[in-house]
Amino acid sequence: MAQLHVITGAGGHATALPIRRIGLADLKDALARGLDDFVAMPSHAVFLCLIYPVVGLLIFRLAVGANVLPLLYPIAAGFALLGPFAALGLYEMSRRREAGLDVSWAHALDVFRSPSIGAIAVLGLLLVTIFLVWVAVAQSIYVAYFGYKPAAAMSGFVNQVLTTPEGWGLIVVGNFVGFLFAVLVLAISAISFPLLLDRDVGAATAVLTSIRVVLANPFTMAVWGLIVAVLLALGSLPALFGLAVVLPVLGHATWHLYRKAVEPDESDRPRFREPSSRPRRPAAEFPASLFPSRSNDAPRS
């Protein structure tokens, strides 16, 4: 029964949610709102996203140290495939700000209280699987052009890729295959994670709705994908530290894009409870204060 809920949500079956046609003006407004969210909550966004440049630098060091230079670019580029899942905390912050709720950074973890957390985890695992498949495919493409011979040092490897027919073929084929992976991830996750965070609809409905939004707005969503790719490329300079700004802005903007692309249904939106405040107890009661106690109004024997 729990597995069925993960796939179909509270309704017990995948449903076709009403979607909207969106245009370039909607993309511009979503980005503007995402930037406004970032300006309003900069410490939260940077706190959540500084891990990306750090991990990127670690990946770079790993590639150099482990002599896996051919995978450095595919890993760095493919890391963006995990972005829709990794930005869950940013969606939650935008959701709370839109609803007029408290936006302190601790609430970014409220996603774990979502009724759809199982479906969110399943889709996240799907993106991780796609990322690993992409890395394996990228390795196979490299081997097809250069064989199993270990790559030279960084300068020699770059020269080999940029100045030889094999390197040009690797660039063209690798980027084309990477583009196909990016289109796949865009189709299944463009709005699925914000939707799951907002409603208890299940993984099947979320993915179906995301694909329907892309098919109903092919040009607009293609432009959105291009905007994401360009901003991520710019954010990678210098040394990936620009991602600390680009990623939160895109994460917040994705929430607003979802709100524009899918018709709202207030009756389906789960209301997360605000954490209840526990009454303060005197230090003299330690360690008894660590354990639940009866209400102060309860009669004592």
C-alpha atoms as a PDB file:
ATOM      1  CA  MET A   1       0.000   0.000   0.000  1.00  0.00           C
ATOM      2  CA  ALA A   2       2.853   2.355   0.845  1.00  0.00           C
ATOM      3  CA  GLN A   3       4.482   1.585  -2.505  1.00  0.00           C
ATOM      4  CA  LEU A   4       1.226   2.470  -4.279  1.00  0.00           C
ATOM      5  CA  HIS A   5       1.076   5.798  -2.449  1.00  0.00           C
ATOM      6  CA  VAL A   6       4.620   6.634  -3.591  1.00  0.00           C
ATOM      7  CA  ILE A   7       3.655   6.033  -7.219  1.00  0.00           C
ATOM      8  CA  THR A   8       0.117   7.408  -7.322  1.00  0.00           C
ATOM      9  CA  GLY A   9      -0.224   9.670  -4.286  1.00  0.00           C
ATOM     10  CA  ALA A  10      -3.249  10.045  -2.048  1.00  0.00           C
ATOM     11  CA  GLY A  11      -5.712   9.577  -4.925  1.00  0.00           C
ATOM     12  CA  GLY A  12      -4.658   5.991  -5.598  1.00  0.00           C
ATOM     13  CA  HIS A  13      -4.144   6.579  -9.319  1.00  0.00           C
ATOM     14  CA  ALA A  14      -2.143   8.843 -11.631  1.00  0.00           C
ATOM     15  CA  THR A  15      -4.141  11.895 -12.661  1.00  0.00           C
ATOM     16  CA  ALA A  16      -3.788  14.473 -15.417  1.00  0.00           C
ATOM     17  CA  LEU A  17      -3.505  17.797 -13.627  1.00  0.00           C
ATOM     18  CA  PRO A  18      -4.623  20.965 -15.459  1.00  0.00           C
ATOM     19  CA  ILE A  19      -1.623  22.767 -16.943  1.00  0.00           C
ATOM     20  CA  ARG A  20      -1.149  26.176 -18.546  1.00  0.00           C
ATOM     21  CA  ARG A  21       0.491  27.549 -21.643  1.00  0.00           C
ATOM     22  CA  ILE A  22       3.452  29.731 -20.686  1.00  0.00           C
ATOM     23  CA  GLY A  23       5.584  32.124 -22.687  1.00  0.00           C
ATOM     24  CA  LEU A  24       8.896  33.947 -22.544  1.00  0.00           C
ATOM     25  CA  ALA A  25       7.352  36.645 -20.355  1.00  0.00           C
ATOM     26  CA  ASP A  26       6.604  33.942 -17.772  1.00  0.00           C
ATOM     27  CA  LEU A  27      10.235  32.804 -17.835  1.00  0.00           C
ATOM     28  CA  LYS A  28      11.389  36.377 -17.320  1.00  0.00           C
ATOM     29  CA  ASP A  29       8.993  36.836 -14.421  1.00  0.00           C
ATOM     30  CA  ALA A  30      10.005  33.504 -12.842  1.00  0.00           C
ATOM     31  CA  LEU A  31      13.667  34.497 -12.991  1.00  0.00           C
ATOM     32  CA  ALA A  32      12.868  37.931 -11.541  1.00  0.00           C
ATOM     33  CA  ARG A  33      10.938  36.317  -8.683  1.00  0.00           C
ATOM     34  CA  GLY A  34      13.750  33.825  -8.149  1.00  0.00           C
ATOM     35  CA  LEU A  35      16.247  36.658  -7.898  1.00  0.00           C
ATOM     36  CA  ASP A  36      13.932  38.478  -5.499  1.00  0.00           C
ATOM     37  CA  ASP A  37      13.736  35.364  -3.302  1.00  0.00           C
ATOM     38  CA  PHE A  38      17.514  35.099  -3.322  1.00  0.00           C
ATOM     39  CA  VAL A  39      17.916  38.758  -2.346  1.00  0.00           C
ATOM     40  CA  ALA A  40      15.350  38.324   0.429  1.00  0.00           C
ATOM     41  CA  MET A  41      16.948  35.101   1.722  1.00  0.00           C
ATOM     42  CA  PRO A  42      20.627  35.258   0.672  1.00  0.00           C
ATOM     43  CA  SER A  43      22.138  33.618   3.725  1.00  0.00           C
ATOM     44  CA  HIS A  44      19.827  30.638   3.406  1.00  0.00           C
ATOM     45  CA  ALA A  45      20.427  30.159  -0.307  1.00  0.00           C
ATOM     46  CA  VAL A  46      24.187  30.508  -0.105  1.00  0.00           C
ATOM     47  CA  PHE A  47      24.291  28.195   2.924  1.00  0.00           C
ATOM     48  CA  LEU A  48      22.404  25.546   0.978  1.00  0.00           C
ATOM     49  CA  CYS A  49      24.396  25.881  -2.241  1.00  0.00           C
ATOM     50  CA  LEU A  50      27.998  26.491  -1.225  1.00  0.00           C
ATOM     51  CA  ILE A  51      28.363  22.714  -1.214  1.00  0.00           C
ATOM     52  CA  TYR A  52      28.234  22.682  -5.014  1.00  0.00           C
ATOM     53  CA  PRO A  53      31.422  24.663  -5.673  1.00  0.00           C
ATOM     54  CA  VAL A  54      33.162  22.732  -2.894  1.00  0.00           C
ATOM     55  CA  VAL A  55      32.102  19.390  -4.356  1.00  0.00           C
ATOM     56  CA  GLY A  56      33.073  20.632  -7.799  1.00  0.00           C
ATOM     57  CA  LEU A  57      36.589  21.427  -6.611  1.00  0.00           C
ATOM     58  CA  LEU A  58      36.810  18.027  -4.935  1.00  0.00           C
ATOM     59  CA  ILE A  59      35.745  16.389  -8.185  1.00  0.00           C
ATOM     60  CA  PHE A  60      38.456  18.343  -9.992  1.00  0.00           C
ATOM     61  CA  ARG A  61      41.091  17.205  -7.501  1.00  0.00           C
ATOM     62  CA  LEU A  62      39.869  13.616  -7.709  1.00  0.00           C
ATOM     63  CA  ALA A  63      40.075  13.673 -11.481  1.00  0.00           C
ATOM     64  CA  VAL A  64      43.614  15.008 -11.479  1.00  0.00           C
ATOM     65  CA  GLY A  65      44.792  12.690  -8.729  1.00  0.00           C
ATOM     66  CA  ALA A  66      43.121   9.535 -10.004  1.00  0.00           C
ATOM     67  CA  ASN A  67      44.105  10.084 -13.638  1.00  0.00           C
ATOM     68  CA  VAL A  68      40.489  10.122 -14.794  1.00  0.00           C
ATOM     69  CA  LEU A  69      40.720  13.394 -16.668  1.00  0.00           C
ATOM     70  CA  PRO A  70      38.425  12.151 -19.465  1.00  0.00           C
ATOM     71  CA  LEU A  71      35.565  12.078 -16.927  1.00  0.00           C
ATOM     72  CA  LEU A  72      36.174  15.539 -15.475  1.00  0.00           C
ATOM     73  CA  TYR A  73      33.988  17.390 -17.992  1.00  0.00           C
ATOM     74  CA  PRO A  74      31.198  14.755 -18.082  1.00  0.00           C
ATOM     75  CA  ILE A  75      31.015  14.708 -14.274  1.00  0.00           C
ATOM     76  CA  ALA A  76      30.992  18.498 -13.986  1.00  0.00           C
ATOM     77  CA  ALA A  77      28.382  18.841 -16.739  1.00  0.00           C
ATOM     78  CA  GLY A  78      26.332  15.893 -15.532  1.00  0.00           C
ATOM     79  CA  PHE A  79      26.301  17.267 -11.999  1.00  0.00           C
ATOM     80  CA  ALA A  80      23.591  19.646 -13.221  1.00  0.00           C
ATOM     81  CA  LEU A  81      21.372  16.593 -13.824  1.00  0.00           C
ATOM     82  CA  LEU A  82      21.017  16.313 -10.056  1.00  0.00           C
ATOM     83  CA  GLY A  83      20.105  19.986  -9.642  1.00  0.00           C
ATOM     84  CA  PRO A  84      16.289  19.590  -9.655  1.00  0.00           C
ATOM     85  CA  PHE A  85      16.524  17.165  -6.722  1.00  0.00           C
ATOM     86  CA  ALA A  86      19.250  19.037  -4.850  1.00  0.00           C
ATOM     87  CA  ALA A  87      17.259  22.292  -4.958  1.00  0.00           C
ATOM     88  CA  LEU A  88      14.398  20.924  -2.816  1.00  0.00           C
ATOM     89  CA  GLY A  89      15.309  23.191   0.086  1.00  0.00           C
ATOM     90  CA  LEU A  90      15.154  26.232  -2.189  1.00  0.00           C
ATOM     91  CA  TYR A  91      11.684  25.278  -3.440  1.00  0.00           C
ATOM     92  CA  GLU A  92      10.555  24.987   0.166  1.00  0.00           C
ATOM     93  CA  MET A  93      11.935  28.422   1.056  1.00  0.00           C
ATOM     94  CA  SER A  94      10.122  29.996  -1.907  1.00  0.00           C
ATOM     95  CA  ARG A  95       6.941  28.113  -1.020  1.00  0.00           C
ATOM     96  CA  ARG A  96       7.052  29.411   2.528  1.00  0.00           C
ATOM     97  CA  ARG A  97       7.801  32.970   1.490  1.00  0.00           C
ATOM     98  CA  GLU A  98       4.933  32.906  -1.001  1.00  0.00           C
ATOM     99  CA  ALA A  99       2.600  31.647   1.733  1.00  0.00           C
ATOM    100  CA  GLY A 100       3.790  34.285   4.201  1.00  0.00           C
ATOM    101  CA  LEU A 101       5.349  31.698   6.547  1.00  0.00           C
ATOM    102  CA  ASP A 102       8.579  31.949   8.506  1.00  0.00           C
ATOM    103  CA  VAL A 103      11.608  31.612   6.214  1.00  0.00           C
ATOM    104  CA  SER A 104      14.382  30.918   8.694  1.00  0.00           C
ATOM    105  CA  TRP A 105      16.982  28.553   7.251  1.00  0.00           C
ATOM    106  CA  ALA A 106      15.955  25.627   9.465  1.00  0.00           C
ATOM    107  CA  HIS A 107      12.710  25.332   7.482  1.00  0.00           C
ATOM    108  CA  ALA A 108      14.640  24.244   4.385  1.00  0.00           C
ATOM    109  CA  LEU A 109      14.613  20.794   5.976  1.00  0.00           C
ATOM    110  CA  ASP A 110      10.818  20.784   6.189  1.00  0.00           C
ATOM    111  CA  VAL A 111      10.837  18.879   2.908  1.00  0.00           C
ATOM    112  CA  PHE A 112      11.373  15.733   4.980  1.00  0.00           C
ATOM    113  CA  ARG A 113       7.907  16.222   6.455  1.00  0.00           C
ATOM    114  CA  SER A 114       6.228  16.305   3.057  1.00  0.00           C
ATOM    115  CA  PRO A 115       3.541  13.644   2.494  1.00  0.00           C
ATOM    116  CA  SER A 116       5.262  13.005  -0.840  1.00  0.00           C
ATOM    117  CA  ILE A 117       8.731  12.385   0.612  1.00  0.00           C
ATOM    118  CA  GLY A 118       8.675   8.791  -0.650  1.00  0.00           C
ATOM    119  CA  ALA A 119       7.942   9.887  -4.212  1.00  0.00           C
ATOM    120  CA  ILE A 120      10.565  12.633  -3.927  1.00  0.00           C
ATOM    121  CA  ALA A 121      13.149  10.047  -2.855  1.00  0.00           C
ATOM    122  CA  VAL A 122      12.210   7.746  -5.755  1.00  0.00           C
ATOM    123  CA  LEU A 123      12.605  10.528  -8.323  1.00  0.00           C
ATOM    124  CA  GLY A 124      15.836  11.623  -6.704  1.00  0.00           C
ATOM    125  CA  LEU A 125      17.158   8.078  -7.024  1.00  0.00           C
ATOM    126  CA  LEU A 126      16.079   8.098 -10.670  1.00  0.00           C
ATOM    127  CA  LEU A 127      18.136  11.243 -11.324  1.00  0.00           C
ATOM    128  CA  VAL A 128      21.152   9.726  -9.583  1.00  0.00           C
ATOM    129  CA  THR A 129      20.781   6.643 -11.786  1.00  0.00           C
ATOM    130  CA  ILE A 130      20.591   8.801 -14.930  1.00  0.00           C
ATOM    131  CA  PHE A 131      23.710  10.667 -13.785  1.00  0.00           C
ATOM    132  CA  LEU A 132      25.641   7.416 -13.292  1.00  0.00           C
ATOM    133  CA  VAL A 133      24.483   6.096 -16.672  1.00  0.00           C
ATOM    134  CA  TRP A 134      25.633   9.355 -18.287  1.00  0.00           C
ATOM    135  CA  VAL A 135      29.101   9.016 -16.732  1.00  0.00           C
ATOM    136  CA  ALA A 136      29.334   5.416 -17.936  1.00  0.00           C
ATOM    137  CA  VAL A 137      28.235   6.403 -21.454  1.00  0.00           C
ATOM    138  CA  ALA A 138      30.716   9.302 -21.501  1.00  0.00           C
ATOM    139  CA  GLN A 139      33.497   6.888 -20.541  1.00  0.00           C
ATOM    140  CA  SER A 140      32.457   4.534 -23.346  1.00  0.00           C
ATOM    141  CA  ILE A 141      32.508   7.381 -25.882  1.00  0.00           C
ATOM    142  CA  TYR A 142      36.025   8.341 -24.790  1.00  0.00           C
ATOM    143  CA  VAL A 143      37.219   4.752 -25.080  1.00  0.00           C
ATOM    144  CA  ALA A 144      35.675   4.506 -28.557  1.00  0.00           C
ATOM    145  CA  TYR A 145      37.880   7.405 -29.742  1.00  0.00           C
ATOM    146  CA  PHE A 146      41.047   7.065 -27.656  1.00  0.00           C
ATOM    147  CA  GLY A 147      41.039   3.504 -26.356  1.00  0.00           C
ATOM    148  CA  TYR A 148      41.995   2.464 -22.839  1.00  0.00           C
ATOM    149  CA  LYS A 149      45.306   4.316 -22.755  1.00  0.00           C
ATOM    150  CA  PRO A 150      45.422   6.607 -19.693  1.00  0.00           C
ATOM    151  CA  ALA A 151      45.105  10.289 -20.442  1.00  0.00           C
ATOM    152  CA  ALA A 152      48.149  12.519 -20.317  1.00  0.00           C
ATOM    153  CA  ALA A 153      48.556  15.440 -17.940  1.00  0.00           C
ATOM    154  CA  MET A 154      45.987  18.233 -18.077  1.00  0.00           C
ATOM    155  CA  SER A 155      47.749  20.316 -20.735  1.00  0.00           C
ATOM    156  CA  GLY A 156      48.438  17.301 -22.947  1.00  0.00           C
ATOM    157  CA  PHE A 157      44.897  16.011 -22.570  1.00  0.00           C
ATOM    158  CA  VAL A 158      43.361  19.368 -23.522  1.00  0.00           C
ATOM    159  CA  ASN A 159      45.662  19.634 -26.527  1.00  0.00           C
ATOM    160  CA  GLN A 160      44.751  16.078 -27.560  1.00  0.00           C
ATOM    161  CA  VAL A 161      41.027  16.803 -27.416  1.00  0.00           C
ATOM    162  CA  LEU A 162      41.148  20.194 -29.158  1.00  0.00           C
ATOM    163  CA  THR A 163      43.656  19.521 -31.927  1.00  0.00           C
ATOM    164  CA  THR A 164      43.007  15.971 -33.169  1.00  0.00           C
ATOM    165  CA  PRO A 165      40.195  14.502 -35.287  1.00  0.00           C
ATOM    166  CA  GLU A 166      39.489  12.030 -32.483  1.00  0.00           C
ATOM    167  CA  GLY A 167      39.150  14.871 -30.034  1.00  0.00           C
ATOM    168  CA  TRP A 168      36.758  16.767 -32.315  1.00  0.00           C
ATOM    169  CA  GLY A 169      34.657  13.640 -32.700  1.00  0.00           C
ATOM    170  CA  LEU A 170      34.640  13.196 -28.933  1.00  0.00           C
ATOM    171  CA  ILE A 171      33.441  16.782 -28.463  1.00  0.00           C
ATOM    172  CA  VAL A 172      30.642  16.516 -31.042  1.00  0.00           C
ATOM    173  CA  VAL A 173      29.352  13.067 -30.068  1.00  0.00           C
ATOM    174  CA  GLY A 174      29.827  13.594 -26.329  1.00  0.00           C
ATOM    175  CA  ASN A 175      27.980  16.894 -26.275  1.00  0.00           C
ATOM    176  CA  PHE A 176      25.179  15.537 -28.461  1.00  0.00           C
ATOM    177  CA  VAL A 177      24.637  12.539 -26.172  1.00  0.00           C
ATOM    178  CA  GLY A 178      24.879  14.834 -23.147  1.00  0.00           C
ATOM    179  CA  PHE A 179      22.219  17.027 -24.711  1.00  0.00           C
ATOM    180  CA  LEU A 180      19.895  14.018 -24.991  1.00  0.00           C
ATOM    181  CA  PHE A 181      20.417  13.235 -21.305  1.00  0.00           C
ATOM    182  CA  ALA A 182      19.706  16.865 -20.428  1.00  0.00           C
ATOM    183  CA  VAL A 183      16.462  16.827 -22.463  1.00  0.00           C
ATOM    184  CA  LEU A 184      15.390  13.643 -20.669  1.00  0.00           C
ATOM    185  CA  VAL A 185      16.010  15.162 -17.240  1.00  0.00           C
ATOM    186  CA  LEU A 186      14.317  18.413 -18.224  1.00  0.00           C
ATOM    187  CA  ALA A 187      11.227  16.541 -19.384  1.00  0.00           C
ATOM    188  CA  ILE A 188      10.786  14.413 -16.273  1.00  0.00           C
ATOM    189  CA  SER A 189      11.902  16.910 -13.628  1.00  0.00           C
ATOM    190  CA  ALA A 190      11.192  20.434 -14.907  1.00  0.00           C
ATOM    191  CA  ILE A 191       8.365  20.898 -12.420  1.00  0.00           C
ATOM    192  CA  SER A 192       7.970  17.445 -10.827  1.00  0.00           C
ATOM    193  CA  PHE A 193       9.882  18.142  -7.610  1.00  0.00           C
ATOM    194  CA  PRO A 194       8.123  21.442  -6.825  1.00  0.00           C
ATOM    195  CA  LEU A 195       4.821  19.707  -7.602  1.00  0.00           C
ATOM    196  CA  LEU A 196       5.572  16.859  -5.182  1.00  0.00           C
ATOM    197  CA  LEU A 197       6.593  19.355  -2.533  1.00  0.00           C
ATOM    198  CA  ASP A 198       3.343  21.246  -3.026  1.00  0.00           C
ATOM    199  CA  ARG A 199       0.867  18.367  -3.396  1.00  0.00           C
ATOM    200  CA  ASP A 200       0.511  14.709  -2.480  1.00  0.00           C
ATOM    201  CA  VAL A 201       0.166  13.431  -6.047  1.00  0.00           C
ATOM    202  CA  GLY A 202       2.718  10.615  -6.368  1.00  0.00           C
ATOM    203  CA  ALA A 203       5.734  10.135  -8.613  1.00  0.00           C
ATOM    204  CA  ALA A 204       3.750   8.995 -11.668  1.00  0.00           C
ATOM    205  CA  THR A 205       1.533  12.089 -11.708  1.00  0.00           C
ATOM    206  CA  ALA A 206       4.511  14.386 -11.089  1.00  0.00           C
ATOM    207  CA  VAL A 207       6.539  12.979 -13.974  1.00  0.00           C
ATOM    208  CA  LEU A 208       3.503  12.867 -16.268  1.00  0.00           C
ATOM    209  CA  THR A 209       2.652  16.484 -15.468  1.00  0.00           C
ATOM    210  CA  SER A 210       6.235  17.608 -16.062  1.00  0.00           C
ATOM    211  CA  ILE A 211       6.315  15.881 -19.464  1.00  0.00           C
ATOM    212  CA  ARG A 212       2.926  17.386 -20.391  1.00  0.00           C
ATOM    213  CA  VAL A 213       4.160  20.865 -19.485  1.00  0.00           C
ATOM    214  CA  VAL A 214       7.214  20.398 -21.729  1.00  0.00           C
ATOM    215  CA  LEU A 215       5.131  19.025 -24.620  1.00  0.00           C
ATOM    216  CA  ALA A 216       2.548  21.812 -24.296  1.00  0.00           C
ATOM    217  CA  ASN A 217       5.256  24.493 -24.233  1.00  0.00           C
ATOM    218  CA  PRO A 218       8.137  23.085 -26.319  1.00  0.00           C
ATOM    219  CA  PHE A 219       9.681  26.388 -27.366  1.00  0.00           C
ATOM    220  CA  THR A 220       9.346  28.041 -23.961  1.00  0.00           C
ATOM    221  CA  MET A 221      10.767  25.033 -22.119  1.00  0.00           C
ATOM    222  CA  ALA A 222      13.584  24.733 -24.650  1.00  0.00           C
ATOM    223  CA  VAL A 223      14.468  28.354 -23.920  1.00  0.00           C
ATOM    224  CA  TRP A 224      14.270  27.584 -20.199  1.00  0.00           C
ATOM    225  CA  GLY A 225      16.690  24.687 -20.650  1.00  0.00           C
ATOM    226  CA  LEU A 226      19.039  26.970 -22.613  1.00  0.00           C
ATOM    227  CA  ILE A 227      18.850  29.632 -19.896  1.00  0.00           C
ATOM    228  CA  VAL A 228      19.702  27.040 -17.257  1.00  0.00           C
ATOM    229  CA  ALA A 229      22.627  25.724 -19.299  1.00  0.00           C
ATOM    230  CA  VAL A 230      24.045  29.211 -19.984  1.00  0.00           C
ATOM    231  CA  LEU A 231      23.695  30.369 -16.384  1.00  0.00           C
ATOM    232  CA  LEU A 232      25.306  27.185 -15.092  1.00  0.00           C
ATOM    233  CA  ALA A 233      28.185  27.659 -17.529  1.00  0.00           C
ATOM    234  CA  LEU A 234      28.641  31.271 -16.416  1.00  0.00           C
ATOM    235  CA  GLY A 235      28.312  30.230 -12.783  1.00  0.00           C
ATOM    236  CA  SER A 236      31.144  27.757 -13.236  1.00  0.00           C
ATOM    237  CA  LEU A 237      33.507  30.688 -13.669  1.00  0.00           C
ATOM    238  CA  PRO A 238      35.694  31.210 -11.830  1.00  0.00           C
ATOM    239  CA  ALA A 239      36.358  27.795 -10.275  1.00  0.00           C
ATOM    240  CA  LEU A 240      32.625  27.043  -9.914  1.00  0.00           C
ATOM    241  CA  PHE A 241      32.147  29.635  -7.168  1.00  0.00           C
ATOM    242  CA  GLY A 242      29.566  31.500  -9.254  1.00  0.00           C
ATOM    243  CA  LEU A 243      27.260  28.539  -8.699  1.00  0.00           C
ATOM    244  CA  ALA A 244      26.724  29.778  -5.135  1.00  0.00           C
ATOM    245  CA  VAL A 245      24.581  32.529  -6.694  1.00  0.00           C
ATOM    246  CA  VAL A 246      23.345  30.895  -9.907  1.00  0.00           C
ATOM    247  CA  LEU A 247      22.021  27.708  -8.287  1.00  0.00           C
ATOM    248  CA  PRO A 248      19.828  29.372  -5.653  1.00  0.00           C
ATOM    249  CA  VAL A 249      18.404  31.840  -8.172  1.00  0.00           C
ATOM    250  CA  LEU A 250      17.548  28.998 -10.562  1.00  0.00           C
ATOM    251  CA  GLY A 251      16.141  26.925  -7.700  1.00  0.00           C
ATOM    252  CA  HIS A 252      13.825  29.697  -6.535  1.00  0.00           C
ATOM    253  CA  ALA A 253      12.879  30.513 -10.137  1.00  0.00           C
ATOM    254  CA  THR A 254      11.947  26.865 -10.754  1.00  0.00           C
ATOM    255  CA  TRP A 255       9.375  27.063  -7.979  1.00  0.00           C
ATOM    256  CA  HIS A 256       7.769  30.113  -9.598  1.00  0.00           C
ATOM    257  CA  LEU A 257       7.896  28.438 -13.018  1.00  0.00           C
ATOM    258  CA  TYR A 258       5.971  25.511 -11.560  1.00  0.00           C
ATOM    259  CA  ARG A 259       3.352  27.875 -10.126  1.00  0.00           C
ATOM    260  CA  LYS A 260       2.878  29.398 -13.575  1.00  0.00           C
ATOM    261  CA  ALA A 261       2.777  26.089 -15.455  1.00  0.00           C
ATOM    262  CA  VAL A 262       0.338  24.098 -13.283  1.00  0.00           C
ATOM    263  CA  GLU A 263      -3.143  25.219 -12.298  1.00  0.00           C
ATOM    264  CA  PRO A 264      -3.355  25.655  -8.514  1.00  0.00           C
ATOM    265  CA  ASP A 265      -5.615  23.439  -6.456  1.00  0.00           C
ATOM    266  CA  GLU A 266      -5.694  24.598  -2.875  1.00  0.00           C
ATOM    267  CA  SER A 267      -7.609  21.515  -1.710  1.00  0.00           C
ATOM    268  CA  ASP A 268      -4.729  19.228  -2.731  1.00  0.00           C
ATOM    269  CA  ARG A 269      -1.909  21.222  -1.192  1.00  0.00           C
ATOM    270  CA  PRO A 270      -0.530  19.651   1.987  1.00  0.00           C
ATOM    271  CA  ARG A 271      -0.203  22.057   4.888  1.00  0.00           C
ATOM    272  CA  PHE A 272       2.960  21.431   6.822  1.00  0.00           C
ATOM    273  CA  ARG A 273       2.555  22.036  10.501  1.00  0.00           C
ATOM    274  CA  GLU A 274       4.648  24.717  12.107  1.00  0.00           C
ATOM    275  CA  PRO A 275       6.931  23.193  14.726  1.00  0.00           C
ATOM    276  CA  SER A 276       5.313  23.436  18.120  1.00  0.00           C
ATOM    277  CA  SER A 277       7.210  25.324  20.769  1.00  0.00           C
ATOM    278  CA  ARG A 278       8.122  23.228  23.784  1.00  0.00           C
ATOM    279  CA  PRO A 279       7.708  24.883  27.158  1.00  0.00           C
ATOM    280  CA  ARG A 280      10.922  25.813  28.907  1.00  0.00           C
ATOM    281  CA  ARG A 281      11.682  23.772  32.011  1.00  0.00           C
ATOM    282  CA  PRO A 282      14.004  24.758  34.855  1.00  0.00           C
ATOM    283  CA  ALA A 283      17.587  23.514  34.665  1.00  0.00           C
ATOM    284  CA  ALA A 284      17.129  22.035  38.128  1.00  0.00           C
ATOM    285  CA  GLU A 285      14.856  19.412  36.607  1.00  0.00           C
ATOM    286  CA  PHE A 286      17.695  18.006  34.462  1.00  0.00           C
ATOM    287  CA  PRO A 287      17.867  15.155  33.439  1.00  0.00           C
ATOM    288  CA  ALA A 288      14.148  14.655  33.954  1.00  0.00           C
ATOM    289  CA  SER A 289      13.544  17.564  31.540  1.00  0.00           C
ATOM    290  CA  LEU A 290      14.826  15.397  28.682  1.00  0.00           C
ATOM    291  CA  PHE A 291      11.772  13.164  28.900  1.00  0.00           C
ATOM    292  CA  PRO A 292       8.116  13.905  28.149  1.00  0.00           C
ATOM    293  CA  SER A 293       6.146  14.939  31.185  1.00  0.00           C
ATOM    294  CA  ARG A 294       2.565  15.546  32.077  1.00  0.00           C
ATOM    295  CA  SER A 295       1.032  18.907  31.488  1.00  0.00           C
ATOM    296  CA  ASN A 296       1.572  21.470  34.187  1.00  0.00           C
ATOM    297  CA  ASP A 297      -2.192  21.542  34.610  1.00  0.00           C
ATOM    298  CA  ALA A 298      -2.387  17.799  35.295  1.00  0.00           C
ATOM    299  CA  PRO A 299      -3.088  16.985  38.957  1.00  0.00           C
ATOM    300  CA  ARG A 300      -0.162  15.647  40.894  1.00  0.00           C
ATOM    301  CA  SER A 301      -0.676  12.592  43.117  1.00  0.00           C
END
